[in-house]
Amino acid sequence: MKTVIHWLTVPVVRHAGSGASPALKYEVPDAVVVRGSGTAYVGITDEQAARRLLAHPDVETLSAEEKRRVELVPGTPVPWESLEQQILSLGTDHRRGGAVGLGDLVSALTRRARIPECGGCARRRKGLNRITVWGWWRERKLHLQPEG
């Protein structure tokens, strides 16, 4: 079954104070949020949460035409597909069982520095993930010694 991603425009409010950063007007669980001027673009997979948000009169569904016109990060070509990959990975526990590759480490650091991941970065991440930097011992199969 294919997961459906709902793209919504949600208004942004500024709280009192000059140093306060803008926040979403409504609470949004487990979503990728890209802030624009006055609105934010929210990608969400939870059908019920999307319906609750759309119940507000100032929340709208982002059409395919609007997605083509919107430049997510001005001056940087960030494809919607890379954001959709992040949305699909929300709610999964990446720490259990698997090893951490160099590509995932670099991706986490650049995301923390608010550098968006483009298509080339995603391919580079996959290539660099062949180098394991943490959890290499988890990849080894256990060989039990015979008793005696």
Protein backbone atom coordinates (compact mmCIF):
# COMPACT_ATOMS: atom_id res chain seq x y z
CA MET A 1 0.00 0.00 0.00
CA LYS A 2 1.42 3.36 -1.02
CA THR A 3 1.60 6.06 1.61
CA VAL A 4 -0.18 9.28 0.65
CA ILE A 5 1.57 12.54 1.50
CA HIS A 6 -0.71 15.51 2.12
CA TRP A 7 0.86 18.91 1.40
CA LEU A 8 -0.93 21.74 3.20
CA THR A 9 -0.41 25.47 3.59
CA VAL A 10 -0.67 26.43 7.26
CA PRO A 11 -0.52 30.03 8.51
CA VAL A 12 2.44 31.18 10.58
CA VAL A 13 2.08 33.49 13.58
CA ARG A 14 4.66 35.72 15.21
CA HIS A 15 4.65 35.76 18.96
CA ALA A 16 5.22 38.93 20.96
CA GLY A 17 8.84 40.01 21.24
CA SER A 18 11.41 40.91 18.66
CA GLY A 19 13.53 37.78 19.14
CA ALA A 20 10.66 35.33 18.91
CA SER A 21 10.71 33.07 15.89
CA PRO A 22 7.53 32.47 13.88
CA ALA A 23 5.55 29.33 14.71
CA LEU A 24 2.75 27.39 13.09
CA LYS A 25 -0.70 28.65 14.02
CA TYR A 26 -1.94 25.08 14.60
CA GLU A 27 -0.24 22.07 16.13
CA VAL A 28 1.04 19.61 13.53
CA PRO A 29 2.27 16.13 14.59
CA ASP A 30 5.04 14.26 12.72
CA ALA A 31 5.42 16.43 9.67
CA VAL A 32 8.04 18.13 7.55
CA VAL A 33 7.56 21.89 7.75
CA VAL A 34 9.05 24.44 5.34
CA ARG A 35 8.40 28.01 6.40
CA GLY A 36 7.56 30.66 3.88
CA SER A 37 6.59 34.26 4.39
CA GLY A 38 3.32 34.26 6.32
CA THR A 39 2.59 30.58 5.61
CA ALA A 40 4.31 27.26 5.99
CA TYR A 41 4.20 24.22 3.74
CA VAL A 42 3.48 21.11 5.78
CA GLY A 43 3.92 17.56 4.50
CA ILE A 44 2.07 14.95 6.52
CA THR A 45 1.08 11.29 6.06
CA ASP A 46 -1.49 11.05 8.86
CA GLU A 47 -4.92 11.22 7.17
CA GLN A 48 -6.79 12.17 10.36
CA ALA A 49 -4.33 14.92 11.27
CA ALA A 50 -4.62 16.32 7.74
CA ARG A 51 -8.43 16.36 8.01
CA ARG A 52 -8.25 18.13 11.39
CA LEU A 53 -5.95 20.78 9.92
CA LEU A 54 -8.14 21.24 6.84
CA ALA A 55 -11.10 21.92 9.14
CA HIS A 56 -9.55 25.33 9.85
CA PRO A 57 -10.65 27.94 7.28
CA ASP A 58 -7.11 29.28 6.72
CA VAL A 59 -5.52 25.88 5.98
CA GLU A 60 -5.55 24.70 2.35
CA THR A 61 -4.29 21.79 0.31
CA LEU A 62 -1.25 22.67 -1.78
CA SER A 63 -2.03 21.89 -5.42
CA ALA A 64 0.44 20.39 -7.87
CA GLU A 65 0.52 23.68 -9.78
CA GLU A 66 1.41 25.62 -6.62
CA LYS A 67 4.13 23.09 -5.80
CA ARG A 68 5.73 23.77 -9.19
CA ARG A 69 5.69 27.53 -8.56
CA VAL A 70 6.99 27.48 -4.99
CA GLU A 71 10.72 27.81 -4.46
CA LEU A 72 11.22 26.07 -1.11
CA VAL A 73 14.55 27.62 -0.18
CA PRO A 74 15.19 30.79 -2.20
CA GLY A 75 18.28 30.40 -4.35
CA THR A 76 18.60 26.66 -3.63
CA PRO A 77 17.01 23.99 -5.81
CA VAL A 78 15.47 21.71 -3.18
CA PRO A 79 13.24 19.11 -4.82
CA TRP A 80 9.93 18.18 -3.25
CA GLU A 81 10.96 14.53 -3.60
CA SER A 82 13.76 14.87 -1.04
CA LEU A 83 11.29 16.33 1.45
CA GLU A 84 8.85 13.51 0.74
CA GLN A 85 11.57 10.96 1.55
CA GLN A 86 12.04 12.66 4.92
CA ILE A 87 8.28 12.54 5.54
CA LEU A 88 8.16 8.82 4.80
CA SER A 89 10.94 8.18 7.33
CA LEU A 90 9.15 10.02 10.14
CA GLY A 91 8.09 7.86 13.05
CA THR A 92 10.54 5.06 12.30
CA ASP A 93 13.20 4.18 14.81
CA HIS A 94 16.48 4.37 12.90
CA ARG A 95 18.61 3.44 15.88
CA ARG A 96 17.44 -0.12 16.37
CA GLY A 97 19.28 -2.97 14.79
CA GLY A 98 21.14 -1.28 11.97
CA ALA A 99 24.50 0.31 11.61
CA VAL A 100 25.02 4.02 10.91
CA GLY A 101 26.66 4.79 7.59
CA LEU A 102 28.87 7.77 6.81
CA GLY A 103 26.22 9.14 4.43
CA ASP A 104 23.56 9.19 7.16
CA LEU A 105 26.01 10.89 9.52
CA VAL A 106 26.86 13.63 7.00
CA SER A 107 23.16 14.02 6.16
CA ALA A 108 22.25 14.45 9.84
CA LEU A 109 24.97 17.07 10.33
CA THR A 110 23.98 19.08 7.26
CA ARG A 111 20.29 18.89 8.21
CA ARG A 112 21.23 20.18 11.67
CA ALA A 113 23.02 23.08 9.96
CA ARG A 114 19.79 23.70 7.97
CA ILE A 115 21.39 22.82 4.64
CA PRO A 116 18.71 21.17 2.48
CA GLU A 117 19.34 17.83 0.80
CA CYS A 118 19.05 17.83 -2.99
CA GLY A 119 18.87 14.86 -5.36
CA GLY A 120 22.66 14.73 -5.76
CA CYS A 121 23.10 14.77 -1.99
CA ALA A 122 20.71 11.84 -1.65
CA ARG A 123 22.72 9.81 -4.17
CA ARG A 124 25.96 10.74 -2.40
CA ARG A 125 24.43 9.72 0.96
CA LYS A 126 23.56 6.28 -0.43
CA GLY A 127 27.09 5.85 -1.77
CA LEU A 128 28.72 6.96 1.46
CA ASN A 129 26.50 4.63 3.48
CA ARG A 130 28.70 1.77 2.28
CA ILE A 131 31.19 3.01 4.89
CA THR A 132 29.96 2.07 8.37
CA VAL A 133 30.97 4.48 11.13
CA TRP A 134 28.89 3.15 14.03
CA GLY A 135 27.34 -0.19 14.83
CA TRP A 136 29.68 -2.24 12.63
CA TRP A 137 29.55 -4.98 15.26
CA ARG A 138 25.81 -5.33 14.64
CA GLU A 139 26.41 -6.35 11.06
CA ARG A 140 28.53 -9.34 12.01
CA LYS A 141 26.75 -12.64 12.30
CA LEU A 142 27.17 -14.44 15.60
CA HIS A 143 29.00 -17.76 15.37
CA LEU A 144 28.36 -19.89 18.39
CA GLN A 145 31.18 -22.14 19.54
CA PRO A 146 30.28 -25.78 19.99
CA GLU A 147 30.20 -26.86 23.63
CA GLY A 148 33.03 -28.94 24.93
